[in-house]
C-alpha cells in the first residue's frame, strides 16, 4: 500500500518548520549574550614627578581638568625648572578626581600593560626622554608600558614635553618600543603638554 503523497509533503513541511524554529532560536540566544565592552576611563589628572639622582629638588608637572570638556580651562602647573647636568627619574600617574573617592587609573594601566603605552615627545632644545629600565615598566612581552622615564639634562634648554597615553598601540611597529609614537596607532586616552626649561 502506497503512502499518501499529501502526508509526505506535510511531514517535510513539519521538519522544515522545526529546523527553521531551531535556527531562529539559536540566533536569538546568540543575540541575548552580552558583548563585553571595555569602557574608557575618565582621566582628569596627569601628574609626572621627576626626582634627581644624587639629591636635589624634584620637579612636578601636573595637568588637572576637573570639568572635562566644560568651559573651564585645565590647570597646568610646573613646579620649577630642571637643573643642568642632572639625571631625573620620572614617574607618571593618571587619576579620575571626579570619582568619590578619587580613582587611580595607573593601576589599571599596569594590569592591562599589553594594551597601553606612554610616550614622551619633546620639542625645542630639550634632550629626549628614555624609558626607565625597571621590569615593572614593561609588559609580559617585554614591551614598554612607560610609566617610568629618564630625563638627562646637560646645558640650558627649553621646549615642551607632551605625555601621551595610547590604548592598544602596535608595540611591534617600527621604533614604537623605543618610544617613537609615529607608527604606534591605537587610540589616545590622554595627552598633555607642559612647557619646561633647564636652567
C-alpha atoms as a PDB file:
ATOM      1  CA  UNK A   1       0.000   0.000   0.000  1.00  0.00           C
ATOM      2  CA  UNK A   2       1.407   3.351  -1.044  1.00  0.00           C
ATOM      3  CA  UNK A   3       1.894   6.133   1.438  1.00  0.00           C
ATOM      4  CA  UNK A   4      -0.324   9.096   0.504  1.00  0.00           C
ATOM      5  CA  UNK A   5       1.721  11.880  -1.137  1.00  0.00           C
ATOM      6  CA  UNK A   6      -0.034  14.547   0.958  1.00  0.00           C
ATOM      7  CA  UNK A   7       1.275  13.072   4.221  1.00  0.00           C
ATOM      8  CA  UNK A   8       4.877  13.031   2.918  1.00  0.00           C
ATOM      9  CA  UNK A   9       4.581  16.681   1.931  1.00  0.00           C
ATOM     10  CA  UNK A  10       3.134  17.560   5.326  1.00  0.00           C
ATOM     11  CA  UNK A  11       5.952  15.694   7.085  1.00  0.00           C
ATOM     12  CA  UNK A  12       8.558  17.565   5.048  1.00  0.00           C
ATOM     13  CA  UNK A  13       6.939  20.890   5.898  1.00  0.00           C
ATOM     14  CA  UNK A  14       6.837  19.910   9.581  1.00  0.00           C
ATOM     15  CA  UNK A  15      10.564  19.084   9.593  1.00  0.00           C
ATOM     16  CA  UNK A  16      11.330  22.335   7.770  1.00  0.00           C
ATOM     17  CA  UNK A  17       9.277  24.307  10.289  1.00  0.00           C
ATOM     18  CA  UNK A  18      11.153  22.731  13.241  1.00  0.00           C
ATOM     19  CA  UNK A  19      14.556  23.353  11.618  1.00  0.00           C
ATOM     20  CA  UNK A  20      13.629  26.983  10.962  1.00  0.00           C
ATOM     21  CA  UNK A  21      12.412  27.470  14.532  1.00  0.00           C
ATOM     22  CA  UNK A  22      15.620  25.987  15.913  1.00  0.00           C
ATOM     23  CA  UNK A  23      17.721  28.230  13.669  1.00  0.00           C
ATOM     24  CA  UNK A  24      15.914  31.374  14.823  1.00  0.00           C
ATOM     25  CA  UNK A  25      16.085  30.197  18.420  1.00  0.00           C
ATOM     26  CA  UNK A  26      19.832  29.698  18.093  1.00  0.00           C
ATOM     27  CA  UNK A  27      20.287  33.156  16.604  1.00  0.00           C
ATOM     28  CA  UNK A  28      18.211  34.736  19.331  1.00  0.00           C
ATOM     29  CA  UNK A  29      20.247  33.014  22.028  1.00  0.00           C
ATOM     30  CA  UNK A  30      23.452  34.369  20.488  1.00  0.00           C
ATOM     31  CA  UNK A  31      21.988  37.860  20.470  1.00  0.00           C
ATOM     32  CA  UNK A  32      20.994  37.548  24.098  1.00  0.00           C
ATOM     33  CA  UNK A  33      24.634  37.044  25.139  1.00  0.00           C
ATOM     34  CA  UNK A  34      26.065  40.402  26.227  1.00  0.00           C
ATOM     35  CA  UNK A  35      29.115  41.651  24.332  1.00  0.00           C
ATOM     36  CA  UNK A  36      31.765  42.776  26.814  1.00  0.00           C
ATOM     37  CA  UNK A  37      32.696  46.429  26.391  1.00  0.00           C
ATOM     38  CA  UNK A  38      35.933  47.871  27.770  1.00  0.00           C
ATOM     39  CA  UNK A  39      34.683  51.287  28.816  1.00  0.00           C
ATOM     40  CA  UNK A  40      37.144  54.146  28.524  1.00  0.00           C
ATOM     41  CA  UNK A  41      38.136  55.540  31.894  1.00  0.00           C
ATOM     42  CA  UNK A  42      37.748  59.246  32.614  1.00  0.00           C
ATOM     43  CA  UNK A  43      41.159  60.795  33.282  1.00  0.00           C
ATOM     44  CA  UNK A  44      41.057  64.234  34.885  1.00  0.00           C
ATOM     45  CA  UNK A  45      44.563  64.464  36.325  1.00  0.00           C
ATOM     46  CA  UNK A  46      48.006  63.584  34.991  1.00  0.00           C
ATOM     47  CA  UNK A  47      50.990  64.039  37.317  1.00  0.00           C
ATOM     48  CA  UNK A  48      54.643  63.465  36.438  1.00  0.00           C
ATOM     49  CA  UNK A  49      57.256  63.687  39.184  1.00  0.00           C
ATOM     50  CA  UNK A  50      60.945  63.830  38.224  1.00  0.00           C
ATOM     51  CA  UNK A  51      63.389  63.086  41.046  1.00  0.00           C
ATOM     52  CA  UNK A  52      67.083  63.905  40.511  1.00  0.00           C
ATOM     53  CA  UNK A  53      69.688  61.231  41.214  1.00  0.00           C
ATOM     54  CA  UNK A  54      72.170  62.196  43.916  1.00  0.00           C
ATOM     55  CA  UNK A  55      69.845  64.692  45.594  1.00  0.00           C
ATOM     56  CA  UNK A  56      68.241  67.948  44.623  1.00  0.00           C
ATOM     57  CA  UNK A  57      64.774  69.350  44.085  1.00  0.00           C
ATOM     58  CA  UNK A  58      62.161  67.180  42.407  1.00  0.00           C
ATOM     59  CA  UNK A  59      60.180  68.717  39.547  1.00  0.00           C
ATOM     60  CA  UNK A  60      56.427  68.078  39.401  1.00  0.00           C
ATOM     61  CA  UNK A  61      54.349  68.540  36.266  1.00  0.00           C
ATOM     62  CA  UNK A  62      50.591  68.380  36.674  1.00  0.00           C
ATOM     63  CA  UNK A  63      47.602  68.686  34.385  1.00  0.00           C
ATOM     64  CA  UNK A  64      44.180  68.855  36.033  1.00  0.00           C
ATOM     65  CA  UNK A  65      40.848  69.252  34.230  1.00  0.00           C
ATOM     66  CA  UNK A  66      38.006  68.755  36.672  1.00  0.00           C
ATOM     67  CA  UNK A  67      35.169  69.691  34.324  1.00  0.00           C
ATOM     68  CA  UNK A  68      36.205  67.502  31.390  1.00  0.00           C
ATOM     69  CA  UNK A  69      35.058  69.209  28.198  1.00  0.00           C
ATOM     70  CA  UNK A  70      33.412  72.002  30.174  1.00  0.00           C
ATOM     71  CA  UNK A  71      34.044  75.725  29.846  1.00  0.00           C
ATOM     72  CA  UNK A  72      36.833  75.901  32.412  1.00  0.00           C
ATOM     73  CA  UNK A  73      40.382  75.602  31.098  1.00  0.00           C
ATOM     74  CA  UNK A  74      42.572  72.851  32.588  1.00  0.00           C
ATOM     75  CA  UNK A  75      45.072  73.863  35.262  1.00  0.00           C
ATOM     76  CA  UNK A  76      48.620  73.115  34.121  1.00  0.00           C
ATOM     77  CA  UNK A  77      51.484  73.585  36.582  1.00  0.00           C
ATOM     78  CA  UNK A  78      55.255  73.081  36.533  1.00  0.00           C
ATOM     79  CA  UNK A  79      56.841  73.317  39.985  1.00  0.00           C
ATOM     80  CA  UNK A  80      60.266  74.565  38.835  1.00  0.00           C
ATOM     81  CA  UNK A  81      62.906  74.411  36.125  1.00  0.00           C
ATOM     82  CA  UNK A  82      65.128  71.336  35.798  1.00  0.00           C
ATOM     83  CA  UNK A  83      68.750  71.694  36.877  1.00  0.00           C
ATOM     84  CA  UNK A  84      71.612  71.355  34.391  1.00  0.00           C
ATOM     85  CA  UNK A  85      73.757  68.226  34.235  1.00  0.00           C
ATOM     86  CA  UNK A  86      71.351  66.039  36.188  1.00  0.00           C
ATOM     87  CA  UNK A  87      69.639  62.701  35.612  1.00  0.00           C
ATOM     88  CA  UNK A  88      65.994  62.689  36.647  1.00  0.00           C
ATOM     89  CA  UNK A  89      63.907  59.559  37.189  1.00  0.00           C
ATOM     90  CA  UNK A  90      60.308  60.277  36.258  1.00  0.00           C
ATOM     91  CA  UNK A  91      57.084  58.578  37.294  1.00  0.00           C
ATOM     92  CA  UNK A  92      53.709  59.459  35.774  1.00  0.00           C
ATOM     93  CA  UNK A  93      50.305  58.747  37.305  1.00  0.00           C
ATOM     94  CA  UNK A  94      46.750  59.072  35.977  1.00  0.00           C
ATOM     95  CA  UNK A  95      43.679  59.744  38.130  1.00  0.00           C
ATOM     96  CA  UNK A  96      39.980  60.408  37.951  1.00  0.00           C
ATOM     97  CA  UNK A  97      39.423  63.028  40.635  1.00  0.00           C
ATOM     98  CA  UNK A  98      35.705  63.273  39.869  1.00  0.00           C
ATOM     99  CA  UNK A  99      35.094  59.810  41.304  1.00  0.00           C
ATOM    100  CA  UNK A 100      34.310  59.542  45.012  1.00  0.00           C
ATOM    101  CA  UNK A 101      36.771  58.546  46.291  1.00  0.00           C
ATOM    102  CA  UNK A 102      39.269  59.613  43.603  1.00  0.00           C
ATOM    103  CA  UNK A 103      40.181  56.711  41.323  1.00  0.00           C
ATOM    104  CA  UNK A 104      43.785  55.827  40.487  1.00  0.00           C
ATOM    105  CA  UNK A 105      43.812  54.770  36.819  1.00  0.00           C
ATOM    106  CA  UNK A 106      47.540  53.963  36.960  1.00  0.00           C
ATOM    107  CA  UNK A 107      46.969  50.523  38.484  1.00  0.00           C
ATOM    108  CA  UNK A 108      44.607  49.607  35.633  1.00  0.00           C
ATOM    109  CA  UNK A 109      47.231  50.686  33.089  1.00  0.00           C
ATOM    110  CA  UNK A 110      49.709  48.330  34.767  1.00  0.00           C
ATOM    111  CA  UNK A 111      47.202  45.465  34.881  1.00  0.00           C
ATOM    112  CA  UNK A 112      46.455  45.925  31.186  1.00  0.00           C
ATOM    113  CA  UNK A 113      50.076  46.639  30.277  1.00  0.00           C
ATOM    114  CA  UNK A 114      49.910  44.913  26.887  1.00  0.00           C
ATOM    115  CA  UNK A 115      47.161  47.339  25.851  1.00  0.00           C
ATOM    116  CA  UNK A 116      48.857  50.574  26.938  1.00  0.00           C
ATOM    117  CA  UNK A 117      51.986  52.605  26.294  1.00  0.00           C
ATOM    118  CA  UNK A 118      53.035  56.081  27.402  1.00  0.00           C
ATOM    119  CA  UNK A 119      55.031  58.261  25.016  1.00  0.00           C
ATOM    120  CA  UNK A 120      57.211  61.290  25.818  1.00  0.00           C
ATOM    121  CA  UNK A 121      57.637  63.779  22.964  1.00  0.00           C
ATOM    122  CA  UNK A 122      59.870  66.821  23.302  1.00  0.00           C
ATOM    123  CA  UNK A 123      60.341  69.984  21.287  1.00  0.00           C
ATOM    124  CA  UNK A 124      62.905  72.775  21.340  1.00  0.00           C
ATOM    125  CA  UNK A 125      66.401  72.229  22.682  1.00  0.00           C
ATOM    126  CA  UNK A 126      65.405  69.690  25.335  1.00  0.00           C
ATOM    127  CA  UNK A 127      67.117  66.302  25.430  1.00  0.00           C
ATOM    128  CA  UNK A 128      64.901  63.321  24.613  1.00  0.00           C
ATOM    129  CA  UNK A 129      63.465  61.196  27.409  1.00  0.00           C
ATOM    130  CA  UNK A 130      64.018  57.439  27.541  1.00  0.00           C
ATOM    131  CA  UNK A 131      62.144  54.652  29.316  1.00  0.00           C
ATOM    132  CA  UNK A 132      63.158  53.521  32.791  1.00  0.00           C
ATOM    133  CA  UNK A 133      64.676  50.043  32.842  1.00  0.00           C
ATOM    134  CA  UNK A 134      62.788  48.605  35.829  1.00  0.00           C
ATOM    135  CA  UNK A 135      60.969  45.351  34.991  1.00  0.00           C
ATOM    136  CA  UNK A 136      57.704  46.915  36.213  1.00  0.00           C
ATOM    137  CA  UNK A 137      57.963  49.399  33.330  1.00  0.00           C
ATOM    138  CA  UNK A 138      57.417  46.618  30.761  1.00  0.00           C
ATOM    139  CA  UNK A 139      54.546  44.278  29.908  1.00  0.00           C
ATOM    140  CA  UNK A 140      54.782  40.480  29.974  1.00  0.00           C
ATOM    141  CA  UNK A 141      56.069  40.508  26.388  1.00  0.00           C
ATOM    142  CA  UNK A 142      58.972  42.770  27.310  1.00  0.00           C
ATOM    143  CA  UNK A 143      57.426  45.791  25.556  1.00  0.00           C
ATOM    144  CA  UNK A 144      57.329  49.163  27.336  1.00  0.00           C
ATOM    145  CA  UNK A 145      54.366  50.428  29.311  1.00  0.00           C
ATOM    146  CA  UNK A 146      56.298  53.608  30.020  1.00  0.00           C
ATOM    147  CA  UNK A 147      55.073  54.822  33.405  1.00  0.00           C
ATOM    148  CA  UNK A 148      58.727  55.391  34.333  1.00  0.00           C
ATOM    149  CA  UNK A 149      61.062  57.624  32.331  1.00  0.00           C
ATOM    150  CA  UNK A 150      64.572  59.060  32.480  1.00  0.00           C
ATOM    151  CA  UNK A 151      65.406  62.671  31.627  1.00  0.00           C
ATOM    152  CA  UNK A 152      69.095  63.571  31.488  1.00  0.00           C
ATOM    153  CA  UNK A 153      69.886  67.276  31.270  1.00  0.00           C
ATOM    154  CA  UNK A 154      73.098  68.888  30.070  1.00  0.00           C
ATOM    155  CA  UNK A 155      73.166  72.599  29.267  1.00  0.00           C
ATOM    156  CA  UNK A 156      70.401  75.192  29.481  1.00  0.00           C
ATOM    157  CA  UNK A 157      67.440  74.272  27.313  1.00  0.00           C
ATOM    158  CA  UNK A 158      63.736  74.913  26.811  1.00  0.00           C
ATOM    159  CA  UNK A 159      60.765  73.493  24.946  1.00  0.00           C
ATOM    160  CA  UNK A 160      57.665  71.409  25.537  1.00  0.00           C
ATOM    161  CA  UNK A 161      57.118  67.893  26.835  1.00  0.00           C
ATOM    162  CA  UNK A 162      53.999  66.054  25.678  1.00  0.00           C
ATOM    163  CA  UNK A 163      52.959  62.946  27.604  1.00  0.00           C
ATOM    164  CA  UNK A 164      50.579  60.682  25.679  1.00  0.00           C
ATOM    165  CA  UNK A 165      48.800  57.555  26.898  1.00  0.00           C
ATOM    166  CA  UNK A 166      47.842  55.297  23.992  1.00  0.00           C
ATOM    167  CA  UNK A 167      45.354  52.419  24.181  1.00  0.00           C
ATOM    168  CA  UNK A 168      46.088  49.332  22.065  1.00  0.00           C
ATOM    169  CA  UNK A 169      49.123  50.717  20.218  1.00  0.00           C
ATOM    170  CA  UNK A 170      51.091  48.449  17.896  1.00  0.00           C
ATOM    171  CA  UNK A 171      54.124  47.943  20.118  1.00  0.00           C
ATOM    172  CA  UNK A 172      55.860  45.867  17.433  1.00  0.00           C
ATOM    173  CA  UNK A 173      55.726  48.619  14.801  1.00  0.00           C
ATOM    174  CA  UNK A 174      58.940  50.369  13.756  1.00  0.00           C
ATOM    175  CA  UNK A 175      60.602  52.262  16.661  1.00  0.00           C
ATOM    176  CA  UNK A 176      57.499  52.165  18.887  1.00  0.00           C
ATOM    177  CA  UNK A 177      59.245  50.115  21.592  1.00  0.00           C
ATOM    178  CA  UNK A 178      61.921  52.812  21.793  1.00  0.00           C
ATOM    179  CA  UNK A 179      59.306  55.494  22.432  1.00  0.00           C
ATOM    180  CA  UNK A 180      58.588  56.832  18.937  1.00  0.00           C
ATOM    181  CA  UNK A 181      54.840  57.453  18.638  1.00  0.00           C
ATOM    182  CA  UNK A 182      54.870  57.866  14.829  1.00  0.00           C
ATOM    183  CA  UNK A 183      53.838  54.307  13.947  1.00  0.00           C
ATOM    184  CA  UNK A 184      52.078  53.437  17.198  1.00  0.00           C
ATOM    185  CA  UNK A 185      48.457  53.698  16.080  1.00  0.00           C
ATOM    186  CA  UNK A 186      45.830  52.888  18.698  1.00  0.00           C
ATOM    187  CA  UNK A 187      43.620  55.475  20.399  1.00  0.00           C
ATOM    188  CA  UNK A 188      44.656  58.308  22.700  1.00  0.00           C
ATOM    189  CA  UNK A 189      43.369  58.015  26.272  1.00  0.00           C
ATOM    190  CA  UNK A 190      45.188  61.140  27.490  1.00  0.00           C
ATOM    191  CA  UNK A 191      47.555  63.727  26.037  1.00  0.00           C
ATOM    192  CA  UNK A 192      49.000  66.659  27.981  1.00  0.00           C
ATOM    193  CA  UNK A 193      51.694  69.214  27.155  1.00  0.00           C
ATOM    194  CA  UNK A 194      53.971  71.123  29.514  1.00  0.00           C
ATOM    195  CA  UNK A 195      56.371  73.999  28.840  1.00  0.00           C
ATOM    196  CA  UNK A 196      59.596  73.177  30.670  1.00  0.00           C
ATOM    197  CA  UNK A 197      63.129  74.540  30.892  1.00  0.00           C
ATOM    198  CA  UNK A 198      66.592  73.569  32.091  1.00  0.00           C
ATOM    199  CA  UNK A 199      68.479  76.315  33.938  1.00  0.00           C
END
